Amino acid sequence: MKLAISSDHAGFELKQSLIPFLIEFGYEVLDLGTNSTAAVDYPDFAEALGLAIRDGRAERGILICGSGIGASVAANKIPGVRAGLAHDSYSAHQGVEHDDMNVLVLGARVIGSEVARELVRTFLSAKYTGEERHQRRLDKVKALETRFTKN
């Protein structure tokens, strides 16, 4: 599986620690920056990751900022992106299983690297169930996206 990973300055160190972890488990990683702890704007890196998902350059993504909130809000503005903020394992797998979440958002100032690794493992091992009730709800989410992106 090809993964995109991106962060702002607050998430840079956590991003850097996750990349070798992902490669070790056989994932191909597309690092979309940032490349230092110099202050940057999280929407730019959320957009880069979201476009990689939307354009098919990656199947799933991991997006990191200080709290995870801003990056999650920004990523979800991109059609086709279903980004979810998770600081616990239940949310990391349930978001995929029920909502077909394709971007895991982490708050680097909220969780440590060991928790982040566990959440990433959980997110990447989860599969969308496709159960009728989940598909019905996902179809409604997609309809909202379509309805409000038309000019």
C-alpha atoms as a PDB file:
ATOM      1  CA  MET A   1       0.000   0.000   0.000  1.00  0.00           C
ATOM      2  CA  LYS A   2       1.231   3.464  -0.868  1.00  0.00           C
ATOM      3  CA  LEU A   3       0.837   6.010   1.926  1.00  0.00           C
ATOM      4  CA  ALA A   4       1.114   9.775   1.902  1.00  0.00           C
ATOM      5  CA  ILE A   5       2.378  11.478   5.047  1.00  0.00           C
ATOM      6  CA  SER A   6       2.480  15.169   5.776  1.00  0.00           C
ATOM      7  CA  SER A   7       2.770  17.533   8.713  1.00  0.00           C
ATOM      8  CA  ASP A   8       3.180  21.106   9.733  1.00  0.00           C
ATOM      9  CA  HIS A   9       6.111  22.229  11.895  1.00  0.00           C
ATOM     10  CA  ALA A  10       4.472  20.980  15.104  1.00  0.00           C
ATOM     11  CA  GLY A  11       4.132  17.490  13.666  1.00  0.00           C
ATOM     12  CA  PHE A  12       7.492  17.352  11.891  1.00  0.00           C
ATOM     13  CA  GLU A  13       9.368  15.292  14.493  1.00  0.00           C
ATOM     14  CA  LEU A  14       6.541  12.771  14.874  1.00  0.00           C
ATOM     15  CA  LYS A  15       6.287  12.486  11.077  1.00  0.00           C
ATOM     16  CA  GLN A  16      10.011  11.832  10.831  1.00  0.00           C
ATOM     17  CA  SER A  17       9.780   9.099  13.471  1.00  0.00           C
ATOM     18  CA  LEU A  18       6.864   7.399  11.699  1.00  0.00           C
ATOM     19  CA  ILE A  19       8.440   7.186   8.232  1.00  0.00           C
ATOM     20  CA  PRO A  20      11.057   4.488   9.056  1.00  0.00           C
ATOM     21  CA  PHE A  21       8.396   2.622  11.060  1.00  0.00           C
ATOM     22  CA  LEU A  22       6.120   2.555   7.986  1.00  0.00           C
ATOM     23  CA  ILE A  23       8.916   1.533   5.631  1.00  0.00           C
ATOM     24  CA  GLU A  24       9.906  -1.268   8.013  1.00  0.00           C
ATOM     25  CA  PHE A  25       6.386  -2.687   7.666  1.00  0.00           C
ATOM     26  CA  GLY A  26       6.606  -2.622   3.875  1.00  0.00           C
ATOM     27  CA  TYR A  27       4.678   0.518   3.030  1.00  0.00           C
ATOM     28  CA  GLU A  28       5.749   2.803   0.237  1.00  0.00           C
ATOM     29  CA  VAL A  29       5.784   6.292   1.751  1.00  0.00           C
ATOM     30  CA  LEU A  30       5.224   9.558  -0.099  1.00  0.00           C
ATOM     31  CA  ASP A  31       6.573  12.307   2.197  1.00  0.00           C
ATOM     32  CA  LEU A  32       4.845  15.576   1.338  1.00  0.00           C
ATOM     33  CA  GLY A  33       6.616  17.744   3.924  1.00  0.00           C
ATOM     34  CA  THR A  34       7.177  19.864   5.834  1.00  0.00           C
ATOM     35  CA  ASN A  35      10.891  19.327   6.021  1.00  0.00           C
ATOM     36  CA  SER A  36      11.813  21.130   9.239  1.00  0.00           C
ATOM     37  CA  THR A  37      10.452  22.638  12.433  1.00  0.00           C
ATOM     38  CA  ALA A  38      10.344  26.113  10.855  1.00  0.00           C
ATOM     39  CA  ALA A  39       6.838  27.555  11.180  1.00  0.00           C
ATOM     40  CA  VAL A  40       4.507  26.758   8.263  1.00  0.00           C
ATOM     41  CA  ASP A  41       0.747  26.782   7.718  1.00  0.00           C
ATOM     42  CA  TYR A  42      -1.020  23.451   8.231  1.00  0.00           C
ATOM     43  CA  PRO A  43      -3.601  23.986   5.439  1.00  0.00           C
ATOM     44  CA  ASP A  44      -0.818  23.838   2.837  1.00  0.00           C
ATOM     45  CA  PHE A  45       0.281  20.396   3.988  1.00  0.00           C
ATOM     46  CA  ALA A  46      -3.267  19.136   4.474  1.00  0.00           C
ATOM     47  CA  GLU A  47      -3.948  20.153   0.877  1.00  0.00           C
ATOM     48  CA  ALA A  48      -0.835  18.393  -0.434  1.00  0.00           C
ATOM     49  CA  LEU A  49      -1.833  15.177   1.307  1.00  0.00           C
ATOM     50  CA  GLY A  50      -5.490  15.460   0.325  1.00  0.00           C
ATOM     51  CA  LEU A  51      -4.603  15.949  -3.329  1.00  0.00           C
ATOM     52  CA  ALA A  52      -2.362  12.872  -3.229  1.00  0.00           C
ATOM     53  CA  ILE A  53      -5.347  10.855  -1.988  1.00  0.00           C
ATOM     54  CA  ARG A  54      -7.791  12.444  -4.423  1.00  0.00           C
ATOM     55  CA  ASP A  55      -5.457  11.959  -7.396  1.00  0.00           C
ATOM     56  CA  GLY A  56      -4.667   8.328  -6.528  1.00  0.00           C
ATOM     57  CA  ARG A  57      -0.986   8.835  -5.749  1.00  0.00           C
ATOM     58  CA  ALA A  58      -1.640   7.255  -2.343  1.00  0.00           C
ATOM     59  CA  GLU A  59      -4.349   4.963  -0.998  1.00  0.00           C
ATOM     60  CA  ARG A  60      -4.322   6.373   2.523  1.00  0.00           C
ATOM     61  CA  GLY A  61      -2.683   9.211   4.367  1.00  0.00           C
ATOM     62  CA  ILE A  62      -1.330  10.245   7.738  1.00  0.00           C
ATOM     63  CA  LEU A  63      -1.539  13.932   8.555  1.00  0.00           C
ATOM     64  CA  ILE A  64      -0.022  15.523  11.651  1.00  0.00           C
ATOM     65  CA  CYS A  65      -0.240  18.936  13.261  1.00  0.00           C
ATOM     66  CA  GLY A  66      -0.041  20.125  16.862  1.00  0.00           C
ATOM     67  CA  SER A  67      -3.576  19.225  17.963  1.00  0.00           C
ATOM     68  CA  GLY A  68      -4.753  17.454  14.808  1.00  0.00           C
ATOM     69  CA  ILE A  69      -7.846  19.625  14.686  1.00  0.00           C
ATOM     70  CA  GLY A  70      -6.800  22.246  12.137  1.00  0.00           C
ATOM     71  CA  ALA A  71      -5.276  19.694   9.788  1.00  0.00           C
ATOM     72  CA  SER A  72      -8.427  17.562  10.008  1.00  0.00           C
ATOM     73  CA  VAL A  73     -10.683  20.501   9.192  1.00  0.00           C
ATOM     74  CA  ALA A  74      -8.516  21.527   6.238  1.00  0.00           C
ATOM     75  CA  ALA A  75      -8.120  18.016   4.788  1.00  0.00           C
ATOM     76  CA  ASN A  76     -11.862  17.409   4.872  1.00  0.00           C
ATOM     77  CA  LYS A  77     -12.421  20.347   2.506  1.00  0.00           C
ATOM     78  CA  ILE A  78     -10.926  18.272  -0.327  1.00  0.00           C
ATOM     79  CA  PRO A  79     -13.462  16.109  -2.177  1.00  0.00           C
ATOM     80  CA  GLY A  80     -12.783  12.414  -1.659  1.00  0.00           C
ATOM     81  CA  VAL A  81     -10.886  12.892   1.571  1.00  0.00           C
ATOM     82  CA  ARG A  82     -12.364  11.416   4.722  1.00  0.00           C
ATOM     83  CA  ALA A  83      -9.963  12.526   7.427  1.00  0.00           C
ATOM     84  CA  GLY A  84     -10.480  11.584  11.046  1.00  0.00           C
ATOM     85  CA  LEU A  85      -8.656  12.755  14.135  1.00  0.00           C
ATOM     86  CA  ALA A  86      -7.825   9.847  16.422  1.00  0.00           C
ATOM     87  CA  HIS A  87      -6.091   9.766  19.766  1.00  0.00           C
ATOM     88  CA  ASP A  88      -7.351   6.288  20.671  1.00  0.00           C
ATOM     89  CA  SER A  89      -7.318   2.892  18.953  1.00  0.00           C
ATOM     90  CA  TYR A  90     -11.101   2.536  18.798  1.00  0.00           C
ATOM     91  CA  SER A  91     -11.443   5.697  16.704  1.00  0.00           C
ATOM     92  CA  ALA A  92      -8.523   4.702  14.481  1.00  0.00           C
ATOM     93  CA  HIS A  93     -10.142   1.422  13.406  1.00  0.00           C
ATOM     94  CA  GLN A  94     -13.814   2.360  13.661  1.00  0.00           C
ATOM     95  CA  GLY A  95     -13.276   5.359  11.382  1.00  0.00           C
ATOM     96  CA  VAL A  96     -12.072   3.014   8.654  1.00  0.00           C
ATOM     97  CA  GLU A  97     -14.504   0.158   9.313  1.00  0.00           C
ATOM     98  CA  HIS A  98     -17.648   2.295   9.453  1.00  0.00           C
ATOM     99  CA  ASP A  99     -16.802   5.534   7.625  1.00  0.00           C
ATOM    100  CA  ASP A 100     -14.137   4.451   5.099  1.00  0.00           C
ATOM    101  CA  MET A 101     -11.731   7.000   6.607  1.00  0.00           C
ATOM    102  CA  ASN A 102      -8.732   7.343   4.307  1.00  0.00           C
ATOM    103  CA  VAL A 103      -6.669   9.868   6.289  1.00  0.00           C
ATOM    104  CA  LEU A 104      -5.604   9.427   9.889  1.00  0.00           C
ATOM    105  CA  VAL A 105      -4.970  12.752  11.602  1.00  0.00           C
ATOM    106  CA  LEU A 106      -2.766  12.897  14.687  1.00  0.00           C
ATOM    107  CA  GLY A 107      -2.028  15.628  17.200  1.00  0.00           C
ATOM    108  CA  ALA A 108       1.697  15.577  17.911  1.00  0.00           C
ATOM    109  CA  ARG A 109       1.273  17.751  21.012  1.00  0.00           C
ATOM    110  CA  VAL A 110      -1.446  15.443  22.336  1.00  0.00           C
ATOM    111  CA  ILE A 111       0.032  11.946  21.897  1.00  0.00           C
ATOM    112  CA  GLY A 112       3.522  10.478  22.045  1.00  0.00           C
ATOM    113  CA  SER A 113       5.350   8.441  19.453  1.00  0.00           C
ATOM    114  CA  GLU A 114       4.388   5.035  20.903  1.00  0.00           C
ATOM    115  CA  VAL A 115       0.696   5.888  20.898  1.00  0.00           C
ATOM    116  CA  ALA A 116       1.088   7.277  17.372  1.00  0.00           C
ATOM    117  CA  ARG A 117       2.633   4.017  16.183  1.00  0.00           C
ATOM    118  CA  GLU A 118      -0.212   2.009  17.708  1.00  0.00           C
ATOM    119  CA  LEU A 119      -2.807   4.260  16.075  1.00  0.00           C
ATOM    120  CA  VAL A 120      -1.074   4.003  12.710  1.00  0.00           C
ATOM    121  CA  ARG A 121      -0.909   0.196  12.969  1.00  0.00           C
ATOM    122  CA  THR A 122      -4.596   0.083  13.888  1.00  0.00           C
ATOM    123  CA  PHE A 123      -5.611   2.476  11.085  1.00  0.00           C
ATOM    124  CA  LEU A 124      -3.625   0.621   8.435  1.00  0.00           C
ATOM    125  CA  SER A 125      -4.856  -2.826   9.430  1.00  0.00           C
ATOM    126  CA  ALA A 126      -8.522  -1.784   9.461  1.00  0.00           C
ATOM    127  CA  LYS A 127     -10.769  -2.456   6.479  1.00  0.00           C
ATOM    128  CA  TYR A 128     -14.044  -0.825   5.485  1.00  0.00           C
ATOM    129  CA  THR A 129     -16.840  -3.307   6.193  1.00  0.00           C
ATOM    130  CA  GLY A 130     -19.178  -2.188   3.426  1.00  0.00           C
ATOM    131  CA  GLU A 131     -22.159  -3.234   5.546  1.00  0.00           C
ATOM    132  CA  GLU A 132     -25.418  -1.864   4.208  1.00  0.00           C
ATOM    133  CA  ARG A 133     -25.889   0.667   7.016  1.00  0.00           C
ATOM    134  CA  HIS A 134     -22.320   1.933   6.681  1.00  0.00           C
ATOM    135  CA  GLN A 135     -22.550   2.156   2.894  1.00  0.00           C
ATOM    136  CA  ARG A 136     -25.875   3.978   3.108  1.00  0.00           C
ATOM    137  CA  ARG A 137     -24.333   6.574   5.434  1.00  0.00           C
ATOM    138  CA  LEU A 138     -21.185   6.892   3.348  1.00  0.00           C
ATOM    139  CA  ASP A 139     -23.312   7.433   0.248  1.00  0.00           C
ATOM    140  CA  LYS A 140     -25.086  10.259   2.080  1.00  0.00           C
ATOM    141  CA  VAL A 141     -21.742  11.830   3.017  1.00  0.00           C
ATOM    142  CA  LYS A 142     -20.635  11.626  -0.610  1.00  0.00           C
ATOM    143  CA  ALA A 143     -23.937  13.161  -1.733  1.00  0.00           C
ATOM    144  CA  LEU A 144     -23.370  16.082   0.643  1.00  0.00           C
ATOM    145  CA  GLU A 145     -19.902  16.562  -0.772  1.00  0.00           C
ATOM    146  CA  THR A 146     -21.219  16.543  -4.328  1.00  0.00           C
ATOM    147  CA  ARG A 147     -24.149  18.823  -3.571  1.00  0.00           C
ATOM    148  CA  PHE A 148     -22.006  21.474  -1.936  1.00  0.00           C
ATOM    149  CA  THR A 149     -19.087  21.374  -4.388  1.00  0.00           C
ATOM    150  CA  LYS A 150     -21.218  22.094  -7.448  1.00  0.00           C
ATOM    151  CA  ASN A 151     -21.151  25.667  -8.712  1.00  0.00           C
END
